[in-house]
């Protein structure tokens, strides 16, 4: 299933790149340069909204298609175990980068609009980054460490959502930061669905949809203007979601009748 996994990851990434392009067009054409207010009936805003809905529909169809065509493992030792060392290495690198960003955010917190909230978010980023180093199920199927670690990214993403909303709440133009909020919301849901595997609540179709949607939205919102450290966090989350999408699809197994049909044709 590795080829299928690569195809799906490529589809998600390309869809996100086009989303970032359309968001960039909207940012330069749909807002007044002086006031930041939205221009009425901007075509790029309509285009962006339609594209977001179309992308969501695509991911729903892909998740349903794979859920029906394949046996989707609910055991984390089978569903989240990578076949090679690359995903585990990617988690460790992303976790290290996220922890270092958290340290940098901690030092910059005194100059933030809400210093206390920024410190809490920085601490969540540090703990979330450390948890990512241990989150991947090992090659031997052992998942005790990852079971404990998988909850920390959920808490980090929730803290990220609170911090983002608080910093943007005074902005009268909701659409200016709505894409960012949607990106963080689906990231929360993606981490929640991945954590559910370790607690007997796995929903493979929902997990696949949310990791795709999270990767797409995190890439799309890269066109928005923000600090370099916050942009780096979106990049890290996009990479992690694409990686988990690959692992999930790679561990899907064809239904028996599909395997027999393939063997018969061969």
Protein backbone atom coordinates (compact mmCIF):
# COMPACT_ATOMS: atom_id res chain seq x y z
CA UNK A 1 0.00 0.00 0.00
CA UNK A 2 3.05 2.24 0.04
CA UNK A 3 2.47 3.54 -3.49
CA UNK A 4 -1.13 4.37 -2.63
CA UNK A 5 0.06 6.15 0.51
CA UNK A 6 2.51 8.24 -1.50
CA UNK A 7 -0.22 9.13 -4.01
CA UNK A 8 -2.61 10.27 -1.28
CA UNK A 9 0.06 12.32 0.47
CA UNK A 10 0.95 13.94 -2.85
CA UNK A 11 -2.71 14.75 -3.53
CA UNK A 12 -3.08 16.33 -0.09
CA UNK A 13 0.12 18.36 -0.44
CA UNK A 14 -0.71 19.62 -3.94
CA UNK A 15 -4.24 20.53 -2.83
CA UNK A 16 -2.72 22.50 0.05
CA UNK A 17 -0.29 24.31 -2.25
CA UNK A 18 -3.17 25.44 -4.46
CA UNK A 19 -5.04 26.48 -1.31
CA UNK A 20 -2.08 28.62 -0.27
CA UNK A 21 -2.03 30.17 -3.75
CA UNK A 22 -5.73 31.04 -3.65
CA UNK A 23 -5.33 32.42 -0.12
CA UNK A 24 -2.44 34.57 -1.33
CA UNK A 25 -4.62 35.93 -4.14
CA UNK A 26 -7.33 36.71 -1.64
CA UNK A 27 -4.96 38.47 0.75
CA UNK A 28 -3.73 40.85 -1.94
CA UNK A 29 -7.09 41.45 -3.66
CA UNK A 30 -9.90 41.10 -1.10
CA UNK A 31 -8.75 43.48 1.67
CA UNK A 32 -8.30 47.25 1.65
CA UNK A 33 -4.58 48.08 1.98
CA UNK A 34 -5.14 50.98 4.40
CA UNK A 35 -7.88 49.68 6.72
CA UNK A 36 -7.60 45.91 6.32
CA UNK A 37 -11.38 45.70 5.82
CA UNK A 38 -12.79 43.27 3.29
CA UNK A 39 -13.86 44.55 -0.11
CA UNK A 40 -17.53 43.72 -0.74
CA UNK A 41 -18.25 40.90 -3.19
CA UNK A 42 -14.57 40.12 -3.77
CA UNK A 43 -14.28 37.29 -6.28
CA UNK A 44 -11.16 35.89 -4.64
CA UNK A 45 -13.04 35.47 -1.34
CA UNK A 46 -15.76 33.49 -3.10
CA UNK A 47 -13.12 31.44 -4.89
CA UNK A 48 -11.38 30.70 -1.58
CA UNK A 49 -14.60 29.62 0.12
CA UNK A 50 -15.57 27.35 -2.79
CA UNK A 51 -12.11 25.82 -2.86
CA UNK A 52 -12.18 25.06 0.87
CA UNK A 53 -15.54 23.31 0.49
CA UNK A 54 -14.32 21.39 -2.57
CA UNK A 55 -11.18 20.26 -0.70
CA UNK A 56 -13.28 19.10 2.26
CA UNK A 57 -15.53 17.14 -0.10
CA UNK A 58 -12.47 15.55 -1.75
CA UNK A 59 -11.05 14.42 1.59
CA UNK A 60 -14.41 13.02 2.69
CA UNK A 61 -14.68 11.00 -0.53
CA UNK A 62 -11.11 9.73 -0.19
CA UNK A 63 -11.65 8.71 3.44
CA UNK A 64 -14.92 6.93 2.64
CA UNK A 65 -13.39 5.23 -0.38
CA UNK A 66 -10.49 3.79 1.58
CA UNK A 67 -12.69 2.82 4.52
CA UNK A 68 -14.88 0.74 2.22
CA UNK A 69 -12.12 -0.72 0.06
CA UNK A 70 -9.75 -1.67 2.85
CA UNK A 71 -9.56 -3.28 6.25
CA UNK A 72 -8.65 -0.37 8.50
CA UNK A 73 -6.76 -1.54 11.55
CA UNK A 74 -7.88 -0.14 14.91
CA UNK A 75 -4.96 -1.55 16.87
CA UNK A 76 -2.30 1.18 17.18
CA UNK A 77 0.45 -1.45 16.94
CA UNK A 78 -0.84 -2.27 13.45
CA UNK A 79 -2.31 1.05 12.27
CA UNK A 80 0.35 3.50 13.48
CA UNK A 81 3.49 1.42 13.20
CA UNK A 82 5.77 2.68 10.40
CA UNK A 83 7.36 0.16 8.06
CA UNK A 84 10.64 2.12 7.96
CA UNK A 85 12.61 4.35 10.31
CA UNK A 86 11.78 7.52 8.32
CA UNK A 87 8.45 8.47 10.04
CA UNK A 88 9.95 7.99 13.50
CA UNK A 89 12.94 10.12 12.51
CA UNK A 90 10.58 12.76 11.11
CA UNK A 91 8.65 12.86 14.40
CA UNK A 92 11.86 13.28 16.37
CA UNK A 93 13.10 16.10 14.12
CA UNK A 94 9.75 17.90 14.16
CA UNK A 95 9.46 17.42 17.92
CA UNK A 96 12.93 18.85 18.49
CA UNK A 97 12.15 21.84 16.26
CA UNK A 98 8.84 22.43 18.02
CA UNK A 99 10.46 22.30 21.47
CA UNK A 100 13.14 24.77 20.37
CA UNK A 101 10.44 27.09 19.00
CA UNK A 102 8.71 26.86 22.36
CA UNK A 103 11.91 27.95 24.09
CA UNK A 104 12.21 30.89 21.67
CA UNK A 105 8.58 31.84 22.32
CA UNK A 106 9.22 31.73 26.06
CA UNK A 107 12.01 34.30 25.70
CA UNK A 108 9.90 36.53 23.47
CA UNK A 109 6.81 36.32 25.73
CA UNK A 110 7.50 39.58 27.66
CA UNK A 111 6.97 41.57 24.46
CA UNK A 112 3.73 39.81 23.50
CA UNK A 113 0.25 41.29 23.85
CA UNK A 114 -0.66 38.70 26.49
CA UNK A 115 2.63 37.64 28.14
CA UNK A 116 1.13 35.08 30.54
CA UNK A 117 -0.85 33.39 27.78
CA UNK A 118 2.22 33.39 25.55
CA UNK A 119 4.26 31.67 28.28
CA UNK A 120 1.60 28.98 28.66
CA UNK A 121 1.58 28.44 24.92
CA UNK A 122 5.38 28.29 24.85
CA UNK A 123 5.35 25.67 27.62
CA UNK A 124 2.73 23.66 25.71
CA UNK A 125 4.92 23.82 22.62
CA UNK A 126 7.95 22.57 24.57
CA UNK A 127 6.07 19.65 26.14
CA UNK A 128 4.36 18.89 22.83
CA UNK A 129 7.69 18.80 21.04
CA UNK A 130 9.20 16.47 23.64
CA UNK A 131 6.15 14.18 23.37
CA UNK A 132 6.57 13.94 19.60
CA UNK A 133 9.98 12.36 20.11
CA UNK A 134 8.28 9.38 21.77
CA UNK A 135 4.93 9.34 19.97
CA UNK A 136 5.58 6.84 17.19
CA UNK A 137 4.70 3.18 17.74
CA UNK A 138 7.90 1.15 17.70
CA UNK A 139 8.77 -1.44 15.08
CA UNK A 140 8.11 -4.27 17.56
CA UNK A 141 4.56 -2.97 18.10
CA UNK A 142 5.15 -1.61 21.61
CA UNK A 143 2.92 1.40 22.18
CA UNK A 144 3.09 2.04 25.93
CA UNK A 145 5.25 5.17 25.60
CA UNK A 146 3.34 6.50 22.61
CA UNK A 147 0.04 6.01 24.46
CA UNK A 148 1.12 8.49 27.11
CA UNK A 149 2.76 10.85 24.61
CA UNK A 150 -0.17 11.02 22.18
CA UNK A 151 -2.30 13.15 24.51
CA UNK A 152 0.23 15.98 24.79
CA UNK A 153 -0.10 17.20 21.15
CA UNK A 154 -3.87 17.37 21.68
CA UNK A 155 -3.37 19.66 24.68
CA UNK A 156 -0.79 21.69 22.75
CA UNK A 157 -3.18 22.19 19.83
CA UNK A 158 -5.99 23.23 22.22
CA UNK A 159 -3.69 25.78 23.85
CA UNK A 160 -2.67 26.98 20.39
CA UNK A 161 -6.34 27.48 19.50
CA UNK A 162 -6.99 29.55 22.64
CA UNK A 163 -3.90 31.68 22.06
CA UNK A 164 -4.71 32.26 18.39
CA UNK A 165 -8.30 33.25 19.12
CA UNK A 166 -7.28 35.57 21.95
CA UNK A 167 -4.74 37.37 19.75
CA UNK A 168 -7.25 37.76 16.90
CA UNK A 169 -10.46 38.37 18.85
CA UNK A 170 -10.22 42.14 18.46
CA UNK A 171 -9.93 41.91 14.68
CA UNK A 172 -13.33 42.96 13.24
CA UNK A 173 -12.70 41.05 9.99
CA UNK A 174 -13.34 37.42 10.92
CA UNK A 175 -12.36 36.09 7.50
CA UNK A 176 -8.89 37.59 7.95
CA UNK A 177 -8.03 34.98 10.59
CA UNK A 178 -10.71 32.34 10.04
CA UNK A 179 -8.48 30.18 7.85
CA UNK A 180 -5.88 30.08 10.63
CA UNK A 181 -8.52 29.15 13.19
CA UNK A 182 -9.87 26.40 10.95
CA UNK A 183 -6.35 25.06 10.49
CA UNK A 184 -5.83 24.81 14.25
CA UNK A 185 -9.30 23.34 14.86
CA UNK A 186 -8.80 20.49 12.39
CA UNK A 187 -5.30 19.98 13.82
CA UNK A 188 -6.88 19.50 17.27
CA UNK A 189 -9.27 16.96 15.78
CA UNK A 190 -6.50 15.17 13.90
CA UNK A 191 -4.41 14.71 17.05
CA UNK A 192 -7.54 13.62 18.93
CA UNK A 193 -8.37 10.96 16.34
CA UNK A 194 -4.78 9.69 16.35
CA UNK A 195 -4.80 9.52 20.16
CA UNK A 196 -8.11 7.63 20.04
CA UNK A 197 -6.28 4.64 18.53
CA UNK A 198 -4.53 4.07 21.85
CA UNK A 199 -7.74 4.16 23.89
CA UNK A 200 -9.99 1.79 21.96
CA UNK A 201 -11.89 4.59 20.21
CA UNK A 202 -10.25 4.43 16.79
CA UNK A 203 -12.23 5.70 13.79
CA UNK A 204 -9.94 5.09 10.79
CA UNK A 205 -12.11 6.99 8.32
CA UNK A 206 -12.37 10.05 10.57
CA UNK A 207 -8.66 9.88 11.40
CA UNK A 208 -7.73 9.82 7.72
CA UNK A 209 -10.06 12.72 6.93
CA UNK A 210 -8.80 14.94 9.72
CA UNK A 211 -5.09 14.34 9.09
CA UNK A 212 -5.68 15.19 5.42
CA UNK A 213 -7.74 18.26 6.29
CA UNK A 214 -5.18 19.36 8.89
CA UNK A 215 -2.27 19.02 6.47
CA UNK A 216 -4.24 20.91 3.81
CA UNK A 217 -5.30 23.75 6.12
CA UNK A 218 -1.85 24.15 7.68
CA UNK A 219 -0.34 24.52 4.21
CA UNK A 220 -3.12 26.85 3.04
CA UNK A 221 -2.70 29.27 5.93
CA UNK A 222 1.02 29.71 5.24
CA UNK A 223 0.06 32.57 2.91
CA UNK A 224 -1.21 34.62 5.85
CA UNK A 225 1.05 37.24 7.39
CA UNK A 226 2.48 36.26 10.80
CA UNK A 227 5.77 35.91 12.66
CA UNK A 228 8.38 33.46 11.43
CA UNK A 229 8.09 31.30 14.56
CA UNK A 230 4.34 30.88 14.16
CA UNK A 231 4.75 30.09 10.48
CA UNK A 232 7.29 27.43 11.43
CA UNK A 233 4.72 25.82 13.76
CA UNK A 234 2.24 25.55 10.89
CA UNK A 235 4.94 23.99 8.70
CA UNK A 236 5.79 21.45 11.41
CA UNK A 237 2.13 20.48 11.86
CA UNK A 238 1.66 20.14 8.09
CA UNK A 239 4.69 17.82 7.83
CA UNK A 240 3.48 15.72 10.78
CA UNK A 241 -0.03 15.37 9.37
CA UNK A 242 1.29 14.31 5.95
CA UNK A 243 3.55 11.78 7.66
CA UNK A 244 0.70 10.29 9.71
CA UNK A 245 -1.48 10.17 6.60
CA UNK A 246 1.24 8.11 4.92
CA UNK A 247 1.50 5.74 7.90
CA UNK A 248 -2.27 5.25 8.14
CA UNK A 249 -2.72 4.47 4.45
CA UNK A 250 0.41 2.33 4.31
CA UNK A 251 -1.04 0.09 7.02
CA UNK A 252 -4.45 -0.27 5.39
CA UNK A 253 -5.04 -3.82 4.13
CA UNK A 254 -7.19 -4.74 1.08
CA UNK A 255 -10.37 -6.72 1.71
CA UNK A 256 -10.09 -10.45 1.10
CA UNK A 257 -12.26 -10.37 -2.00
CA UNK A 258 -10.08 -7.59 -3.42
CA UNK A 259 -6.94 -9.65 -2.82
CA UNK A 260 -8.52 -12.75 -4.39
CA UNK A 261 -9.65 -10.75 -7.42
CA UNK A 262 -6.15 -9.42 -7.86
CA UNK A 263 -4.64 -12.87 -7.57
CA UNK A 264 -7.16 -14.25 -10.06
CA UNK A 265 -6.36 -11.52 -12.59
CA UNK A 266 -2.65 -12.16 -12.16
